[in-house]
Amino acid sequence: MIQELDDVILESDLPKHGLRRGDIGTVVLIHRGGEGYEVEFTTLDGETVAVVTLLAAQVRPAHTREIAHARELAGSAS
């Protein structure tokens, strides 16, 4: 079961928030025993990109033997 402060993987694109399937977020609040989650997505330097309320089907726990992948946030300057 996903717990608060667990890293989760986004299962679908959220263009409104600039998020893509596969992005990694941190659970900051659990709704209704796991029916949904408040998830914070940040840049690698800790800047919050979005805090989004998601249904359980929209995220999954991170699995062992997975590797993180970095991408530039759309519309950001280097």
C-alpha atoms as a PDB file:
ATOM      1  CA  MET A   1       0.000   0.000   0.000  1.00  0.00           C
ATOM      2  CA  ILE A   2       1.198   3.499  -0.809  1.00  0.00           C
ATOM      3  CA  GLN A   3       2.057   5.568   2.274  1.00  0.00           C
ATOM      4  CA  GLU A   4       2.661   9.271   2.880  1.00  0.00           C
ATOM      5  CA  LEU A   5       6.107  10.363   1.660  1.00  0.00           C
ATOM      6  CA  ASP A   6       6.369   7.402  -0.743  1.00  0.00           C
ATOM      7  CA  ASP A   7       7.568   8.131  -4.247  1.00  0.00           C
ATOM      8  CA  VAL A   8       4.975   7.257  -6.882  1.00  0.00           C
ATOM      9  CA  ILE A   9       5.000   7.111 -10.667  1.00  0.00           C
ATOM     10  CA  LEU A  10       2.430   9.020 -12.709  1.00  0.00           C
ATOM     11  CA  GLU A  11       0.468   6.685 -15.007  1.00  0.00           C
ATOM     12  CA  SER A  12      -0.947   9.275 -17.435  1.00  0.00           C
ATOM     13  CA  ASP A  13      -0.021  12.662 -18.865  1.00  0.00           C
ATOM     14  CA  LEU A  14      -1.337  15.762 -17.071  1.00  0.00           C
ATOM     15  CA  PRO A  15      -0.650  18.491 -19.670  1.00  0.00           C
ATOM     16  CA  LYS A  16      -2.413  21.158 -17.612  1.00  0.00           C
ATOM     17  CA  HIS A  17       0.335  20.735 -15.000  1.00  0.00           C
ATOM     18  CA  GLY A  18       3.214  20.068 -17.405  1.00  0.00           C
ATOM     19  CA  LEU A  19       3.469  16.484 -16.180  1.00  0.00           C
ATOM     20  CA  ARG A  20       4.020  13.333 -18.229  1.00  0.00           C
ATOM     21  CA  ARG A  21       3.447   9.644 -17.660  1.00  0.00           C
ATOM     22  CA  GLY A  22       6.468   8.296 -15.811  1.00  0.00           C
ATOM     23  CA  ASP A  23       7.147  11.462 -13.795  1.00  0.00           C
ATOM     24  CA  ILE A  24       7.987  10.791 -10.155  1.00  0.00           C
ATOM     25  CA  GLY A  25       6.121  12.512  -7.338  1.00  0.00           C
ATOM     26  CA  THR A  26       5.894  12.264  -3.562  1.00  0.00           C
ATOM     27  CA  VAL A  27       2.667  11.453  -1.729  1.00  0.00           C
ATOM     28  CA  VAL A  28       1.923  14.226   0.769  1.00  0.00           C
ATOM     29  CA  LEU A  29      -1.608  13.168   1.747  1.00  0.00           C
ATOM     30  CA  ILE A  30      -3.713  10.025   1.418  1.00  0.00           C
ATOM     31  CA  HIS A  31      -7.443  10.380   0.715  1.00  0.00           C
ATOM     32  CA  ARG A  32     -10.087   7.886   1.863  1.00  0.00           C
ATOM     33  CA  GLY A  33      -7.744   5.066   2.781  1.00  0.00           C
ATOM     34  CA  GLY A  34      -5.953   5.063  -0.558  1.00  0.00           C
ATOM     35  CA  GLU A  35      -8.730   5.935  -3.026  1.00  0.00           C
ATOM     36  CA  GLY A  36      -6.703   8.995  -3.965  1.00  0.00           C
ATOM     37  CA  TYR A  37      -3.558  10.904  -3.173  1.00  0.00           C
ATOM     38  CA  GLU A  38      -2.218  14.425  -2.996  1.00  0.00           C
ATOM     39  CA  VAL A  39       1.089  14.205  -4.849  1.00  0.00           C
ATOM     40  CA  GLU A  40       3.843  16.813  -5.073  1.00  0.00           C
ATOM     41  CA  PHE A  41       6.009  16.891  -8.189  1.00  0.00           C
ATOM     42  CA  THR A  42       9.310  18.773  -7.961  1.00  0.00           C
ATOM     43  CA  THR A  43      12.335  19.555 -10.073  1.00  0.00           C
ATOM     44  CA  LEU A  44      15.627  17.922  -9.118  1.00  0.00           C
ATOM     45  CA  ASP A  45      16.654  21.083  -7.258  1.00  0.00           C
ATOM     46  CA  GLY A  46      13.500  20.992  -5.119  1.00  0.00           C
ATOM     47  CA  GLU A  47      11.255  23.551  -6.849  1.00  0.00           C
ATOM     48  CA  THR A  48       7.608  22.511  -6.688  1.00  0.00           C
ATOM     49  CA  VAL A  49       6.130  22.055 -10.160  1.00  0.00           C
ATOM     50  CA  ALA A  50       2.644  20.990  -9.053  1.00  0.00           C
ATOM     51  CA  VAL A  51       0.682  19.532  -6.167  1.00  0.00           C
ATOM     52  CA  VAL A  52      -2.093  17.455  -7.681  1.00  0.00           C
ATOM     53  CA  THR A  53      -4.985  15.394  -6.307  1.00  0.00           C
ATOM     54  CA  LEU A  54      -4.987  12.068  -8.137  1.00  0.00           C
ATOM     55  CA  LEU A  55      -7.072   8.908  -8.109  1.00  0.00           C
ATOM     56  CA  ALA A  56      -5.304   5.708  -7.089  1.00  0.00           C
ATOM     57  CA  ALA A  57      -5.417   4.488 -10.717  1.00  0.00           C
ATOM     58  CA  GLN A  58      -3.387   7.520 -11.832  1.00  0.00           C
ATOM     59  CA  VAL A  59      -0.283   6.569  -9.853  1.00  0.00           C
ATOM     60  CA  ARG A  60       1.614   3.452  -8.930  1.00  0.00           C
ATOM     61  CA  PRO A  61       4.359   2.681  -6.458  1.00  0.00           C
ATOM     62  CA  ALA A  62       7.936   2.707  -7.667  1.00  0.00           C
ATOM     63  CA  HIS A  63       9.303  -0.797  -8.272  1.00  0.00           C
ATOM     64  CA  THR A  64      12.748  -2.192  -7.597  1.00  0.00           C
ATOM     65  CA  ARG A  65      15.069  -2.291 -10.590  1.00  0.00           C
ATOM     66  CA  GLU A  66      13.547   0.864 -12.116  1.00  0.00           C
ATOM     67  CA  ILE A  67      15.739   3.753 -13.128  1.00  0.00           C
ATOM     68  CA  ALA A  68      14.879   7.462 -12.932  1.00  0.00           C
ATOM     69  CA  HIS A  69      15.030   9.575 -16.084  1.00  0.00           C
ATOM     70  CA  ALA A  70      15.428  13.365 -16.198  1.00  0.00           C
ATOM     71  CA  ARG A  71      13.753  15.694 -18.686  1.00  0.00           C
ATOM     72  CA  GLU A  72      13.534  19.457 -18.979  1.00  0.00           C
ATOM     73  CA  LEU A  73      10.225  20.921 -17.883  1.00  0.00           C
ATOM     74  CA  ALA A  74       8.350  22.397 -20.843  1.00  0.00           C
ATOM     75  CA  GLY A  75       8.654  26.158 -20.967  1.00  0.00           C
ATOM     76  CA  SER A  76      11.574  26.332 -18.540  1.00  0.00           C
ATOM     77  CA  ALA A  77      14.859  28.004 -19.229  1.00  0.00           C
ATOM     78  CA  SER A  78      18.153  26.286 -18.452  1.00  0.00           C
END
